[in-house]
Amino acid sequence: METLAGKRAARLLKTFSDSANKDTIRLSSADRESWLNFIISSHLNDSGFSPDQLFHWLVENDWPGKKAWDMTSEYTTARTLLAKYSTQK
């Protein structure tokens, strides 16, 4: 994962996944901040970590399938939005 996501993004994702409560419907504010830091780092480092790879990584790291799917969808939307914003600065 580190090769595709980049060292910082990989570390942020692992830290988020290790500390987040995977059983809740919504992320806590601290978990949300960690998740968003991962997405921002992925954007800033032009991460090649695809949504499909993220989904599989989340499932392999004990995230429930529906939650992993929702987070992957959010990742995709956020990366698209950040990319669009970056081209308009």
N, C-alpha and C. Protein backbone atom coordinates (compact mmCIF):
# COMPACT_ATOMS: atom_id res chain seq x y z
N MET A 1 0.82 -1.19 0.00
CA MET A 1 0.00 0.00 0.00
C MET A 1 0.86 1.25 0.00
N GLU A 2 1.95 1.23 0.74
CA GLU A 2 2.79 2.41 0.85
C GLU A 2 3.29 2.89 -0.51
N THR A 3 3.59 1.96 -1.41
CA THR A 3 4.07 2.32 -2.74
C THR A 3 3.00 3.09 -3.51
N LEU A 4 1.76 2.66 -3.42
CA LEU A 4 0.68 3.31 -4.16
C LEU A 4 0.16 4.56 -3.47
N ALA A 5 -0.02 4.49 -2.16
CA ALA A 5 -0.64 5.59 -1.42
C ALA A 5 0.38 6.66 -1.03
N GLY A 6 1.63 6.29 -0.91
CA GLY A 6 2.64 7.19 -0.38
C GLY A 6 2.81 6.92 1.11
N LYS A 7 4.00 7.20 1.62
CA LYS A 7 4.31 6.88 3.02
C LYS A 7 3.37 7.59 3.99
N ARG A 8 3.19 8.89 3.82
CA ARG A 8 2.37 9.65 4.76
C ARG A 8 0.93 9.20 4.73
N ALA A 9 0.35 9.07 3.55
CA ALA A 9 -1.06 8.65 3.44
C ALA A 9 -1.23 7.24 4.00
N ALA A 10 -0.29 6.36 3.72
CA ALA A 10 -0.37 4.99 4.24
C ALA A 10 -0.34 4.99 5.77
N ARG A 11 0.53 5.79 6.33
CA ARG A 11 0.62 5.89 7.80
C ARG A 11 -0.66 6.46 8.38
N LEU A 12 -1.20 7.51 7.74
CA LEU A 12 -2.45 8.11 8.22
C LEU A 12 -3.62 7.13 8.15
N LEU A 13 -3.70 6.37 7.06
CA LEU A 13 -4.78 5.39 6.93
C LEU A 13 -4.65 4.30 7.98
N LYS A 14 -3.45 3.81 8.19
CA LYS A 14 -3.24 2.76 9.20
C LYS A 14 -3.58 3.27 10.59
N THR A 15 -3.13 4.47 10.92
CA THR A 15 -3.43 5.07 12.23
C THR A 15 -4.93 5.24 12.41
N PHE A 16 -5.59 5.75 11.37
CA PHE A 16 -7.04 5.90 11.42
C PHE A 16 -7.72 4.55 11.65
N SER A 17 -7.37 3.57 10.86
CA SER A 17 -8.02 2.27 10.93
C SER A 17 -7.79 1.58 12.27
N ASP A 18 -6.58 1.72 12.80
CA ASP A 18 -6.26 1.08 14.07
C ASP A 18 -7.01 1.71 15.24
N SER A 19 -7.31 3.00 15.16
CA SER A 19 -7.92 3.67 16.31
C SER A 19 -9.43 3.90 16.17
N ALA A 20 -9.96 3.82 14.97
CA ALA A 20 -11.38 4.12 14.75
C ALA A 20 -12.28 3.01 15.28
N ASN A 21 -13.46 3.40 15.69
CA ASN A 21 -14.49 2.44 16.10
C ASN A 21 -15.19 1.97 14.84
N LYS A 22 -14.94 0.76 14.44
CA LYS A 22 -15.45 0.22 13.18
C LYS A 22 -16.90 -0.22 13.26
N ASP A 23 -17.44 -0.26 14.47
CA ASP A 23 -18.79 -0.79 14.66
C ASP A 23 -19.89 0.27 14.70
N THR A 24 -19.51 1.53 14.65
CA THR A 24 -20.52 2.59 14.71
C THR A 24 -20.97 2.99 13.31
N ILE A 25 -22.16 3.54 13.23
CA ILE A 25 -22.68 4.00 11.95
C ILE A 25 -21.92 5.24 11.49
N ARG A 26 -21.71 6.14 12.41
CA ARG A 26 -20.99 7.39 12.09
C ARG A 26 -19.65 7.41 12.80
N LEU A 27 -18.68 8.04 12.14
CA LEU A 27 -17.37 8.19 12.77
C LEU A 27 -17.46 9.26 13.85
N SER A 28 -16.71 9.08 14.91
CA SER A 28 -16.60 10.13 15.93
C SER A 28 -15.89 11.32 15.31
N SER A 29 -15.92 12.46 15.97
CA SER A 29 -15.26 13.64 15.41
C SER A 29 -13.75 13.42 15.27
N ALA A 30 -13.14 12.72 16.23
CA ALA A 30 -11.71 12.44 16.14
C ALA A 30 -11.42 11.48 14.98
N ASP A 31 -12.26 10.45 14.83
CA ASP A 31 -12.09 9.51 13.71
C ASP A 31 -12.30 10.21 12.37
N ARG A 32 -13.29 11.08 12.31
CA ARG A 32 -13.57 11.83 11.08
C ARG A 32 -12.37 12.68 10.70
N GLU A 33 -11.76 13.34 11.68
CA GLU A 33 -10.59 14.18 11.40
C GLU A 33 -9.44 13.34 10.86
N SER A 34 -9.21 12.18 11.46
CA SER A 34 -8.15 11.28 10.98
C SER A 34 -8.42 10.81 9.56
N TRP A 35 -9.67 10.48 9.28
CA TRP A 35 -10.07 10.03 7.94
C TRP A 35 -9.85 11.14 6.92
N LEU A 36 -10.26 12.34 7.26
CA LEU A 36 -10.09 13.47 6.33
C LEU A 36 -8.61 13.80 6.13
N ASN A 37 -7.80 13.66 7.16
CA ASN A 37 -6.35 13.87 7.01
C ASN A 37 -5.76 12.89 6.01
N PHE A 38 -6.23 11.64 6.04
CA PHE A 38 -5.78 10.64 5.07
C PHE A 38 -6.18 11.07 3.65
N ILE A 39 -7.43 11.49 3.47
CA ILE A 39 -7.90 11.89 2.14
C ILE A 39 -7.10 13.09 1.63
N ILE A 40 -6.90 14.09 2.48
CA ILE A 40 -6.15 15.28 2.08
C ILE A 40 -4.71 14.91 1.71
N SER A 41 -4.09 14.07 2.52
CA SER A 41 -2.72 13.64 2.22
C SER A 41 -2.67 12.88 0.89
N SER A 42 -3.66 12.04 0.65
CA SER A 42 -3.73 11.32 -0.63
C SER A 42 -3.80 12.30 -1.79
N HIS A 43 -4.57 13.33 -1.63
CA HIS A 43 -4.70 14.34 -2.68
C HIS A 43 -3.38 15.11 -2.87
N LEU A 44 -2.84 15.61 -1.78
CA LEU A 44 -1.64 16.45 -1.86
C LEU A 44 -0.45 15.70 -2.45
N ASN A 45 -0.39 14.39 -2.21
CA ASN A 45 0.71 13.58 -2.72
C ASN A 45 0.35 12.86 -4.01
N ASP A 46 -0.80 13.23 -4.60
CA ASP A 46 -1.26 12.63 -5.85
C ASP A 46 -1.18 11.10 -5.78
N SER A 47 -1.76 10.59 -4.71
CA SER A 47 -1.73 9.14 -4.45
C SER A 47 -2.34 8.35 -5.60
N GLY A 48 -1.71 7.25 -5.92
CA GLY A 48 -2.24 6.34 -6.93
C GLY A 48 -3.10 5.24 -6.34
N PHE A 49 -3.47 5.40 -5.07
CA PHE A 49 -4.28 4.41 -4.36
C PHE A 49 -5.72 4.51 -4.88
N SER A 50 -6.14 3.51 -5.62
CA SER A 50 -7.46 3.56 -6.27
C SER A 50 -8.57 3.26 -5.27
N PRO A 51 -9.79 3.67 -5.59
CA PRO A 51 -10.92 3.32 -4.73
C PRO A 51 -11.05 1.80 -4.53
N ASP A 52 -10.83 1.04 -5.56
CA ASP A 52 -10.92 -0.42 -5.45
C ASP A 52 -9.88 -0.95 -4.46
N GLN A 53 -8.67 -0.43 -4.55
CA GLN A 53 -7.62 -0.85 -3.62
C GLN A 53 -7.96 -0.44 -2.19
N LEU A 54 -8.51 0.76 -2.03
CA LEU A 54 -8.91 1.21 -0.70
C LEU A 54 -9.99 0.29 -0.13
N PHE A 55 -10.99 -0.02 -0.92
CA PHE A 55 -12.07 -0.89 -0.45
C PHE A 55 -11.51 -2.23 0.04
N HIS A 56 -10.66 -2.84 -0.76
CA HIS A 56 -10.10 -4.14 -0.38
C HIS A 56 -9.22 -4.01 0.86
N TRP A 57 -8.46 -2.92 0.96
CA TRP A 57 -7.63 -2.72 2.13
C TRP A 57 -8.50 -2.58 3.39
N LEU A 58 -9.58 -1.81 3.30
CA LEU A 58 -10.46 -1.64 4.45
C LEU A 58 -11.07 -2.97 4.89
N VAL A 59 -11.57 -3.74 3.94
CA VAL A 59 -12.18 -5.04 4.26
C VAL A 59 -11.13 -5.96 4.89
N GLU A 60 -9.93 -5.98 4.32
CA GLU A 60 -8.85 -6.81 4.88
C GLU A 60 -8.45 -6.38 6.29
N ASN A 61 -8.76 -5.13 6.63
CA ASN A 61 -8.42 -4.60 7.95
C ASN A 61 -9.66 -4.50 8.84
N ASP A 62 -10.58 -5.42 8.61
CA ASP A 62 -11.72 -5.66 9.51
C ASP A 62 -12.82 -4.60 9.49
N TRP A 63 -12.92 -3.84 8.41
CA TRP A 63 -14.05 -2.93 8.28
C TRP A 63 -15.22 -3.70 7.68
N PRO A 64 -16.42 -3.53 8.22
CA PRO A 64 -17.59 -4.18 7.63
C PRO A 64 -17.77 -3.73 6.18
N GLY A 65 -18.23 -4.65 5.33
CA GLY A 65 -18.36 -4.36 3.89
C GLY A 65 -19.12 -3.11 3.56
N LYS A 66 -20.27 -2.90 4.20
CA LYS A 66 -21.09 -1.70 3.91
C LYS A 66 -20.35 -0.43 4.31
N LYS A 67 -19.71 -0.45 5.46
CA LYS A 67 -18.95 0.71 5.93
C LYS A 67 -17.76 0.97 5.00
N ALA A 68 -17.08 -0.09 4.59
CA ALA A 68 -15.95 0.05 3.66
C ALA A 68 -16.42 0.64 2.33
N TRP A 69 -17.58 0.19 1.86
CA TRP A 69 -18.14 0.71 0.61
C TRP A 69 -18.47 2.20 0.75
N ASP A 70 -19.12 2.59 1.86
CA ASP A 70 -19.47 3.99 2.09
C ASP A 70 -18.23 4.88 2.17
N MET A 71 -17.21 4.40 2.85
CA MET A 71 -15.98 5.18 2.98
C MET A 71 -15.25 5.30 1.65
N THR A 72 -15.27 4.23 0.87
CA THR A 72 -14.65 4.27 -0.46
C THR A 72 -15.37 5.27 -1.35
N SER A 73 -16.68 5.30 -1.26
CA SER A 73 -17.46 6.26 -2.03
C SER A 73 -17.12 7.69 -1.60
N GLU A 74 -17.01 7.90 -0.30
CA GLU A 74 -16.65 9.23 0.20
C GLU A 74 -15.24 9.62 -0.25
N TYR A 75 -14.31 8.68 -0.22
CA TYR A 75 -12.94 8.91 -0.68
C TYR A 75 -12.94 9.36 -2.14
N THR A 76 -13.69 8.65 -2.96
CA THR A 76 -13.76 8.96 -4.39
C THR A 76 -14.32 10.36 -4.62
N THR A 77 -15.41 10.68 -3.95
CA THR A 77 -16.03 12.00 -4.09
C THR A 77 -15.10 13.10 -3.62
N ALA A 78 -14.47 12.88 -2.47
CA ALA A 78 -13.57 13.89 -1.92
C ALA A 78 -12.36 14.12 -2.82
N ARG A 79 -11.78 13.05 -3.34
CA ARG A 79 -10.62 13.19 -4.24
C ARG A 79 -11.00 13.93 -5.51
N THR A 80 -12.19 13.66 -6.03
CA THR A 80 -12.67 14.36 -7.23
C THR A 80 -12.84 15.85 -6.94
N LEU A 81 -13.46 16.16 -5.82
CA LEU A 81 -13.69 17.55 -5.43
C LEU A 81 -12.36 18.28 -5.22
N LEU A 82 -11.43 17.67 -4.51
CA LEU A 82 -10.14 18.31 -4.27
C LEU A 82 -9.36 18.52 -5.57
N ALA A 83 -9.43 17.57 -6.48
CA ALA A 83 -8.77 17.72 -7.77
C ALA A 83 -9.36 18.88 -8.56
N LYS A 84 -10.67 18.98 -8.55
CA LYS A 84 -11.34 20.07 -9.25
C LYS A 84 -10.97 21.41 -8.63
N TYR A 85 -10.97 21.47 -7.32
CA TYR A 85 -10.59 22.70 -6.62
C TYR A 85 -9.16 23.12 -6.96
N SER A 86 -8.26 22.15 -6.98
CA SER A 86 -6.85 22.44 -7.25
C SER A 86 -6.64 23.04 -8.64
N THR A 87 -7.46 22.66 -9.59
CA THR A 87 -7.28 23.19 -10.95
C THR A 87 -7.85 24.61 -11.07
N GLN A 88 -8.62 25.06 -10.09
CA GLN A 88 -9.24 26.38 -10.16
C GLN A 88 -8.56 27.41 -9.29
N LYS A 89 -7.47 27.03 -8.63
CA LYS A 89 -6.77 27.99 -7.76
C LYS A 89 -5.98 28.97 -8.58
